[in-house]
Each structure stands twice: as C-alpha cells, then as structure tokens.
C-alpha cells in the first residue's frame, strides 16, 4: 500500500537528518537542535493544529504513524516535536477565540513550540498539592511558584501554567503565558539519561503578570487531564518506534555475530526472541492506533471540548502508555542482554535505545500512578468512587 505523503515526508527527513547521528543526538547538545528548524521545512511542524488556525489538522491516528517513524530514529526528537500537543490541545478546546487566533496562528506561522508547566518537586504525582499560585488583580492574573519538569520551555513561544487559585485554594487555573513575559526564568536544563536531544527544564515564576483573558475555561487540573490524553498516547508510540529500531539493530548484530561457527541469526534462542519482539511490536502498534482512534472519535464531535471535560482521563490513553512502556522495556532489557558486555557500553547503540525506552514508564505519570488511576476510575464501581 502506498504511504501517505505526510509519512513519506517524515521518512525522508529522518533519513537525511537522523540516520547515523546517534552519538550527536545522545550528547545533550545545545537546545534546540538546528534539525528542528529543518523539520519545519517539511511543512509538518505542529501537524495536529486545526486548519482554521493554519495547521494541517491531522488526527491522533496520523500522529501515531508520524511519531513511530521519528522515534525509530530518535525518541528525543519525536518527543520534542509532538509534546506541544499537550499544551495546544488545552488552548484549542478551552481558550477564547481571540487567544487561539493570536497564539495558535502564530505558532503555525513561525513553526514554533509550546510547553506546559504542571509538575512540582514537592507535589510529585499529587498535582492537587501544587504550591504555584495564581491571584487576580483587576484584569490581570499574577503567577508565582516553581515548576520542576517542563520540556521545550527554553525555546517555547508560549506556556500553559497550571496553578492553584489564591482566592480559592480548592480551585485551579490553566493560564497561557507568553514565554518572554517578565518573571519567567529558566533555572536549569536537566541532565536526563535518555531522550537527550530533547530539553527539559526547571522553571521559576516570580510576579508573572498576564491578562485575565489568558485564563483557559475550566478547572486547570481537569484541563491538564484532557491535554495528557493525546500526549500519553504519543509517548506510548515512542516505545513502539524504539522497539522497532531495537528489533532491526538486533537483526543486524545477529548477521555479523558468529556462534558455534554459524551466524547468530541461525540460533534457535536468538530467533525465538526476535519472534517474540515481533509479536509484541504488532500488539503495541494495534494498541496505539486503537487508542488514537478513540481519541479522534471524541475530537470529531461538535461538542468535543465538553465531552473531553466530562470524560477527563481516557482509559485507552492510560492503558496504552502503561502497556507500551512495560512491553517496550521488556524488549529493550532483553535486547541489551543479547549484546552481552557490548550492550553495557557506549560502543553500541543498544545502550542509548535502552535509556531512551525507560522514559515511557516515568513521564506524565509513572506506572504505579497510572495503575492507581485505572483502578479508581475504571475498576471501582461508579457508586463507590470518591
């Protein structure tokens, strides 16, 4: 079957810019990498943004296919390019028309990036305990606090900050903040062990003032839940892309490695492991696509924003991220063992791929956090849920 044009463009970009560049992509080079500007030349930057704001309007199913191709070559590149979907989906569904036109339109025109500021050190997975505050002063909102992990903030055009309402401690706001607003300070870039072509920062907010019109409609924590649905599916998809690359790296290794006078590919144990990988990759592929279709079915509704608010965290997004993270880690761990001592060095790319894979079960909710969410939201009977 002929590949869609957008997918051929992604594959061409990956061949030109990513193939054979593993060492540089793993070096924590200065962000943003110039190759992100070259990706924009494909016309696919922010590919999911609505057509009414100048975007391509591609759905999450298409996004899964794009992300898998990018992550096959480098998961950090894929993460950098798709993670603004978390930020922009909140603005798309719950921002005013003026806010969307001004910020989403510019993002498309300038091939820019956006970032979300949610996590905090002390709060951990309990975001309701966040200490960043938002107070209203006339027609202005003032933000103060510190956010622990925010990818792309250093070069983003705008941020969406999740903060506790100072007037109502049980209320939370999601506030759009232009990156160049006085009081927004990048404290440091984290030295992450994987996805090193991406850039994740600790950020401080001190007396950050924006118009009250920049507050998105609805409870900020609920809006974050909605935004996380798409990004969690795509994070799961990076596990798929990395797993596909691991399978191919193992096959290449098996052709050159000799055991008992024959290529490793002729070894029954090696063959059975690669067969297991292929089965797992097939199921991961189907799961990512199914979750994306479930998301797209809601996004296509005329009341999509309200339906997402009603639903909150999608079961398919949670289970797909959990399954792909765990399955991908099984593949990466097994593959690294297959390389023997070489798999525990920087001489083989398998070490990088193993480190890249690990993030899937950590970011946007570790597996224990997601297990608890699945239990409380989808296992406990409705009548007994708190």
Protein backbone atom coordinates (compact mmCIF):
# COMPACT_ATOMS: atom_id res chain seq x y z
CA UNK A 1 0.00 0.00 0.00
CA UNK A 2 1.32 3.42 -0.95
CA UNK A 3 2.46 5.53 2.01
CA UNK A 4 0.60 8.83 2.62
CA UNK A 5 2.52 11.90 1.53
CA UNK A 6 2.97 13.18 5.09
CA UNK A 7 4.57 9.89 6.12
CA UNK A 8 6.94 9.88 3.16
CA UNK A 9 8.00 13.41 4.14
CA UNK A 10 8.76 12.26 7.69
CA UNK A 11 10.71 9.25 6.45
CA UNK A 12 12.73 11.44 4.11
CA UNK A 13 13.54 13.88 6.92
CA UNK A 14 14.61 11.01 9.19
CA UNK A 15 16.92 9.55 6.56
CA UNK A 16 18.55 12.92 5.87
CA UNK A 17 18.83 14.29 9.40
CA UNK A 18 18.75 11.42 11.89
CA UNK A 19 20.22 8.27 10.34
CA UNK A 20 23.76 7.66 11.56
CA UNK A 21 23.68 10.59 14.01
CA UNK A 22 23.03 8.66 17.23
CA UNK A 23 26.14 9.92 19.04
CA UNK A 24 25.28 13.60 18.49
CA UNK A 25 21.62 13.08 19.34
CA UNK A 26 22.72 11.44 22.60
CA UNK A 27 25.19 14.19 23.51
CA UNK A 28 22.89 16.70 25.28
CA UNK A 29 23.84 19.26 22.62
CA UNK A 30 22.64 22.84 22.95
CA UNK A 31 18.88 23.15 22.53
CA UNK A 32 17.04 23.48 20.32
CA UNK A 33 18.88 21.40 17.76
CA UNK A 34 19.04 23.04 14.30
CA UNK A 35 17.41 19.97 12.81
CA UNK A 36 14.07 21.04 14.32
CA UNK A 37 14.06 24.05 12.00
CA UNK A 38 14.81 21.70 9.13
CA UNK A 39 11.87 19.51 10.14
CA UNK A 40 9.68 22.58 9.73
CA UNK A 41 10.75 22.68 6.06
CA UNK A 42 8.71 19.51 5.52
CA UNK A 43 5.59 21.58 6.30
CA UNK A 44 4.72 19.25 9.18
CA UNK A 45 5.63 21.32 12.24
CA UNK A 46 2.71 21.21 14.72
CA UNK A 47 0.93 18.92 12.27
CA UNK A 48 -2.08 18.41 14.58
CA UNK A 49 -3.13 22.06 14.86
CA UNK A 50 -6.57 22.88 13.39
CA UNK A 51 -6.88 24.05 9.81
CA UNK A 52 -8.77 27.16 10.91
CA UNK A 53 -5.54 28.33 12.56
CA UNK A 54 -3.37 27.44 9.59
CA UNK A 55 -2.41 23.91 10.69
CA UNK A 56 -2.75 20.64 8.81
CA UNK A 57 -5.41 19.32 11.17
CA UNK A 58 -4.02 15.77 11.21
CA UNK A 59 -5.63 13.49 13.78
CA UNK A 60 -4.06 11.44 16.54
CA UNK A 61 -4.05 8.32 14.36
CA UNK A 62 -1.84 10.11 11.82
CA UNK A 63 0.21 11.45 14.73
CA UNK A 64 0.88 7.88 15.89
CA UNK A 65 2.26 6.99 12.47
CA UNK A 66 4.45 10.13 12.37
CA UNK A 67 5.72 9.62 15.92
CA UNK A 68 6.59 5.98 15.33
CA UNK A 69 8.72 6.92 12.33
CA UNK A 70 10.51 9.69 14.20
CA UNK A 71 11.06 7.62 17.35
CA UNK A 72 12.52 4.77 15.28
CA UNK A 73 15.45 7.09 14.60
CA UNK A 74 15.45 9.11 17.83
CA UNK A 75 12.86 9.21 20.61
CA UNK A 76 14.10 12.59 21.87
CA UNK A 77 13.44 14.21 18.51
CA UNK A 78 9.98 12.67 18.41
CA UNK A 79 9.24 13.87 21.96
CA UNK A 80 10.36 17.43 21.24
CA UNK A 81 8.22 17.66 18.13
CA UNK A 82 5.00 16.16 19.48
CA UNK A 83 4.93 17.25 23.14
CA UNK A 84 3.45 20.69 22.30
CA UNK A 85 0.23 18.79 21.57
CA UNK A 86 -0.31 18.70 25.36
CA UNK A 87 -0.21 22.49 25.54
CA UNK A 88 -2.03 23.35 22.33
CA UNK A 89 -4.88 20.89 22.87
CA UNK A 90 -5.79 22.70 26.09
CA UNK A 91 -5.76 26.02 24.25
CA UNK A 92 -7.71 24.58 21.30
CA UNK A 93 -10.52 23.19 23.41
CA UNK A 94 -10.69 25.81 26.18
CA UNK A 95 -9.12 29.08 25.03
CA UNK A 96 -11.09 32.07 23.79
CA UNK A 97 -11.30 32.62 20.05
CA UNK A 98 -9.03 35.65 20.34
CA UNK A 99 -6.47 33.67 22.35
CA UNK A 100 -6.47 30.82 19.84
CA UNK A 101 -6.17 33.09 16.85
CA UNK A 102 -3.31 35.08 18.32
CA UNK A 103 -1.22 32.24 19.73
CA UNK A 104 -2.05 29.14 17.69
CA UNK A 105 -1.97 31.09 14.45
CA UNK A 106 1.46 32.48 15.27
CA UNK A 107 2.70 29.03 16.32
CA UNK A 108 1.82 27.71 12.87
CA UNK A 109 3.20 30.74 11.02
CA UNK A 110 6.55 30.61 12.85
CA UNK A 111 6.84 26.81 13.24
CA UNK A 112 7.13 27.41 16.96
CA UNK A 113 6.99 25.35 20.13
CA UNK A 114 4.79 25.46 23.23
CA UNK A 115 5.27 23.99 26.72
CA UNK A 116 3.22 23.02 29.75
CA UNK A 117 4.23 23.80 33.35
CA UNK A 118 2.49 21.38 35.67
CA UNK A 119 4.81 19.22 37.76
CA UNK A 120 6.44 20.36 41.01
CA UNK A 121 9.05 18.71 43.23
CA UNK A 122 7.07 18.60 46.47
CA UNK A 123 3.73 17.71 44.87
CA UNK A 124 5.12 14.81 42.82
CA UNK A 125 2.26 12.84 41.31
CA UNK A 126 -0.27 14.59 43.57
CA UNK A 127 -0.71 17.71 41.47
CA UNK A 128 -3.52 18.91 43.73
CA UNK A 129 -0.77 19.70 46.28
CA UNK A 130 0.99 22.17 43.95
CA UNK A 131 2.12 25.42 45.51
CA UNK A 132 2.34 27.62 42.40
CA UNK A 133 -0.38 30.25 42.83
CA UNK A 134 -2.43 32.50 40.60
CA UNK A 135 -4.07 35.61 42.03
CA UNK A 136 -6.38 38.03 40.28
CA UNK A 137 -5.59 41.75 40.41
CA UNK A 138 -8.20 43.64 38.44
CA UNK A 139 -7.97 42.47 34.83
CA UNK A 140 -4.59 40.78 35.44
CA UNK A 141 -3.53 37.37 36.75
CA UNK A 142 -0.26 37.12 38.71
CA UNK A 143 1.65 33.82 38.92
CA UNK A 144 4.28 32.78 41.47
CA UNK A 145 5.99 29.43 42.02
CA UNK A 146 8.46 26.91 40.66
CA UNK A 147 7.87 24.09 38.19
CA UNK A 148 10.11 21.04 38.14
CA UNK A 149 9.96 19.43 34.69
CA UNK A 150 8.86 21.21 31.54
CA UNK A 151 10.05 20.15 28.09
CA UNK A 152 10.69 22.85 25.43
CA UNK A 153 10.23 25.81 27.82
CA UNK A 154 13.63 27.30 26.95
CA UNK A 155 12.62 27.94 23.35
CA UNK A 156 8.81 27.89 23.51
CA UNK A 157 6.66 30.74 22.19
CA UNK A 158 4.14 30.33 24.97
CA UNK A 159 3.46 28.25 28.07
CA UNK A 160 0.35 26.96 29.77
CA UNK A 161 0.90 27.15 33.53
CA UNK A 162 -1.24 25.11 35.93
CA UNK A 163 -1.61 26.96 39.24
CA UNK A 164 -3.67 26.96 42.40
CA UNK A 165 -6.12 29.85 42.76
CA UNK A 166 -5.01 32.09 45.62
CA UNK A 167 -8.59 33.23 46.13
CA UNK A 168 -9.94 29.65 46.18
CA UNK A 169 -7.36 27.09 47.39
CA UNK A 170 -9.54 24.25 46.05
CA UNK A 171 -9.62 25.80 42.59
CA UNK A 172 -7.00 25.54 39.84
CA UNK A 173 -6.33 27.62 36.76
CA UNK A 174 -4.66 26.95 33.43
CA UNK A 175 -3.07 30.19 32.25
CA UNK A 176 -1.47 30.95 28.89
CA UNK A 177 1.80 32.84 29.40
CA UNK A 178 3.96 34.17 26.54
CA UNK A 179 7.48 32.85 27.09
CA UNK A 180 9.04 36.36 27.08
CA UNK A 181 6.80 37.60 29.91
CA UNK A 182 8.91 39.23 32.68
CA UNK A 183 9.32 36.95 35.69
CA UNK A 184 9.59 33.67 33.75
CA UNK A 185 13.06 32.25 34.50
CA UNK A 186 14.62 29.00 33.32
CA UNK A 187 16.61 27.80 36.33
CA UNK A 188 18.35 24.90 34.63
CA UNK A 189 18.17 22.26 31.95
CA UNK A 190 18.02 18.75 33.38
CA UNK A 191 20.83 16.34 32.52
CA UNK A 192 18.49 13.48 31.58
CA UNK A 193 19.80 9.96 30.99
CA UNK A 194 17.75 9.40 27.82
CA UNK A 195 15.96 11.49 25.18
CA UNK A 196 18.99 13.76 25.27
CA UNK A 197 18.10 15.51 22.01
CA UNK A 198 15.11 16.97 23.85
CA UNK A 199 15.39 19.66 26.54
CA UNK A 200 13.55 19.60 29.86
CA UNK A 201 13.83 22.49 32.31
CA UNK A 202 13.17 23.65 35.85
CA UNK A 203 11.33 26.97 35.69
CA UNK A 204 10.59 29.72 38.21
CA UNK A 205 7.70 32.18 38.06
CA UNK A 206 8.01 35.41 40.04
CA UNK A 207 5.32 38.06 39.76
CA UNK A 208 4.42 36.92 36.23
CA UNK A 209 1.57 39.11 35.01
CA UNK A 210 -0.74 38.31 32.10
CA UNK A 211 -4.24 39.47 31.15
CA UNK A 212 -7.08 37.66 32.89
CA UNK A 213 -8.34 36.81 29.41
CA UNK A 214 -5.39 34.38 29.18
CA UNK A 215 -7.04 32.04 31.68
CA UNK A 216 -8.47 28.98 29.93
CA UNK A 217 -12.05 27.95 30.59
CA UNK A 218 -12.50 25.28 33.26
CA UNK A 219 -10.65 23.74 36.20
CA UNK A 220 -6.94 23.72 35.44
CA UNK A 221 -6.30 20.20 36.71
CA UNK A 222 -9.17 18.85 34.62
CA UNK A 223 -7.84 20.64 31.55
CA UNK A 224 -4.43 19.09 32.18
CA UNK A 225 -6.07 15.66 32.33
CA UNK A 226 -7.63 16.30 28.95
CA UNK A 227 -4.36 17.51 27.45
CA UNK A 228 -2.46 14.48 28.73
CA UNK A 229 -4.65 12.08 26.75
CA UNK A 230 -3.06 12.83 23.38
CA UNK A 231 0.50 13.16 24.67
CA UNK A 232 0.29 9.90 26.64
CA UNK A 233 -0.74 8.01 23.51
CA UNK A 234 2.19 9.52 21.62
CA UNK A 235 4.63 8.78 24.46
CA UNK A 236 3.45 5.17 24.21
CA UNK A 237 4.11 5.37 20.48
CA UNK A 238 7.74 6.32 21.06
CA UNK A 239 8.12 2.96 22.79
CA UNK A 240 6.81 1.38 19.59
CA UNK A 241 9.30 3.28 17.44
CA UNK A 242 12.24 2.44 19.70
CA UNK A 243 11.16 -1.21 19.85
CA UNK A 244 11.12 -1.41 16.05
CA UNK A 245 14.62 0.04 15.94
CA UNK A 246 15.84 -2.44 18.59
CA UNK A 247 14.48 -5.35 16.56
CA UNK A 248 16.38 -4.17 13.48
CA UNK A 249 19.58 -3.47 15.43
CA UNK A 250 19.41 -6.99 16.84
CA UNK A 251 18.97 -8.46 13.36
CA UNK A 252 21.98 -6.53 12.06
CA UNK A 253 24.03 -7.73 15.03
CA UNK A 254 22.86 -11.32 14.52
CA UNK A 255 24.08 -11.33 10.92
CA UNK A 256 27.63 -10.40 11.92
CA UNK A 257 27.96 -12.29 15.21
CA UNK A 258 29.08 -15.91 14.90
CA UNK A 259 28.14 -18.62 17.46
CA UNK A 260 29.47 -22.16 17.09
CA UNK A 261 30.56 -21.42 13.56
CA UNK A 262 27.21 -20.10 12.35
CA UNK A 263 25.57 -16.65 12.26
CA UNK A 264 23.61 -15.78 15.40
CA UNK A 265 20.51 -15.45 13.22
CA UNK A 266 20.61 -19.25 12.78
CA UNK A 267 20.48 -19.77 16.56
CA UNK A 268 17.10 -21.02 17.80
CA UNK A 269 17.18 -18.96 21.01
CA UNK A 270 18.02 -15.76 19.11
CA UNK A 271 15.28 -16.47 16.54
CA UNK A 272 12.67 -17.11 19.21
CA UNK A 273 13.48 -13.85 20.96
CA UNK A 274 13.16 -11.87 17.73
CA UNK A 275 9.89 -13.65 17.03
CA UNK A 276 8.69 -12.58 20.49
CA UNK A 277 9.74 -8.99 19.73
CA UNK A 278 7.74 -9.01 16.51
CA UNK A 279 4.62 -10.27 18.27
CA UNK A 280 4.97 -7.57 20.94
CA UNK A 281 5.57 -4.84 18.35
CA UNK A 282 2.45 -5.88 16.44
CA UNK A 283 0.30 -5.66 19.56
CA UNK A 284 1.86 -2.30 20.55
CA UNK A 285 1.09 -0.95 17.06
CA UNK A 286 -2.53 -2.04 17.21
CA UNK A 287 -2.96 -0.66 20.74
CA UNK A 288 -1.53 2.77 19.87
CA UNK A 289 -3.73 3.05 16.78
CA UNK A 290 -6.84 1.92 18.67
CA UNK A 291 -6.26 4.48 21.43
CA UNK A 292 -5.71 7.20 18.82
CA UNK A 293 -8.97 6.31 17.07
CA UNK A 294 -10.85 6.50 20.38
CA UNK A 295 -9.41 9.99 20.93
CA UNK A 296 -10.17 11.08 17.35
CA UNK A 297 -13.77 9.90 17.69
CA UNK A 298 -14.29 12.39 20.52
CA UNK A 299 -12.29 15.14 18.80
CA UNK A 300 -14.57 14.90 15.74
CA UNK A 301 -17.70 15.66 17.77
CA UNK A 302 -19.17 19.18 17.67
CA UNK A 303 -19.13 19.16 21.49
CA UNK A 304 -15.65 17.69 21.73
CA UNK A 305 -14.41 20.10 24.39
CA UNK A 306 -17.34 19.36 26.68
CA UNK A 307 -17.09 15.61 26.10
CA UNK A 308 -13.38 15.62 26.91
CA UNK A 309 -14.16 17.53 30.11
CA UNK A 310 -16.84 15.02 31.02
CA UNK A 311 -14.55 12.06 30.32
CA UNK A 312 -11.31 13.50 31.70
CA UNK A 313 -8.60 10.85 31.58
CA UNK A 314 -9.29 8.36 28.79
CA UNK A 315 -8.90 4.72 29.77
CA UNK A 316 -7.30 3.98 26.39
CA UNK A 317 -4.60 6.60 26.94
CA UNK A 318 -3.71 5.24 30.37
CA UNK A 319 -3.62 1.58 29.41
CA UNK A 320 -1.75 2.19 26.16
CA UNK A 321 1.01 4.14 27.88
CA UNK A 322 1.30 1.51 30.60
CA UNK A 323 1.30 -1.43 28.20
CA UNK A 324 3.74 0.04 25.70
CA UNK A 325 6.09 1.28 28.41
CA UNK A 326 6.23 -2.10 30.10
CA UNK A 327 6.39 -4.11 26.88
CA UNK A 328 8.98 -1.79 25.36
CA UNK A 329 11.13 -2.12 28.48
CA UNK A 330 10.94 -5.92 28.23
CA UNK A 331 12.17 -5.71 24.64
CA UNK A 332 14.97 -3.23 25.46
CA UNK A 333 16.14 -5.19 28.51
CA UNK A 334 16.17 -8.50 26.65
CA UNK A 335 17.97 -6.97 23.67
CA UNK A 336 20.68 -5.39 25.80
CA UNK A 337 21.39 -8.82 27.30
CA UNK A 338 21.64 -10.31 23.82
CA UNK A 339 24.58 -7.99 23.14
CA UNK A 340 26.49 -9.29 26.14
CA UNK A 341 29.18 -6.99 27.52
CA UNK A 342 28.91 -4.78 24.45
CA UNK A 343 25.34 -3.95 25.46
CA UNK A 344 26.65 -2.34 28.65
CA UNK A 345 28.93 0.09 26.84
CA UNK A 346 28.53 3.26 24.81
CA UNK A 347 30.05 1.47 21.81
CA UNK A 348 26.71 0.01 20.77
CA UNK A 349 23.54 1.99 20.10
CA UNK A 350 21.57 -0.57 22.13
CA UNK A 351 22.60 1.25 25.32
CA UNK A 352 21.12 4.53 24.06
CA UNK A 353 17.93 2.82 22.93
CA UNK A 354 17.53 1.18 26.35
CA UNK A 355 17.93 4.53 28.12
CA UNK A 356 15.53 6.21 25.71
CA UNK A 357 12.93 3.50 26.29
CA UNK A 358 12.93 3.94 30.05
CA UNK A 359 11.23 7.35 29.99
CA UNK A 360 7.93 5.92 28.72
CA UNK A 361 7.05 4.46 32.12
CA UNK A 362 8.19 7.57 34.02
CA UNK A 363 6.97 10.82 32.44
CA UNK A 364 3.37 12.05 32.58
CA UNK A 365 2.62 9.61 35.39
CA UNK A 366 4.73 6.61 36.38
CA UNK A 367 3.18 3.18 36.06
CA UNK A 368 2.17 2.97 39.74
CA UNK A 369 0.38 6.31 39.42
CA UNK A 370 -1.43 5.15 36.29
CA UNK A 371 -2.33 1.79 37.84
CA UNK A 372 -3.99 3.67 40.68
CA UNK A 373 -5.83 5.89 38.19
CA UNK A 374 -7.08 2.88 36.22
CA UNK A 375 -8.22 1.26 39.46
CA UNK A 376 -10.00 4.31 40.86
CA UNK A 377 -11.54 5.46 37.58
CA UNK A 378 -12.32 2.20 35.80
CA UNK A 379 -12.29 -0.71 38.28
CA UNK A 380 -14.01 0.66 41.38
CA UNK A 381 -17.80 0.72 40.83
CA UNK A 382 -19.13 4.17 39.99
CA UNK A 383 -21.27 4.29 43.14
CA UNK A 384 -18.17 3.80 45.33
CA UNK A 385 -15.81 6.26 43.67
CA UNK A 386 -14.73 9.29 45.67
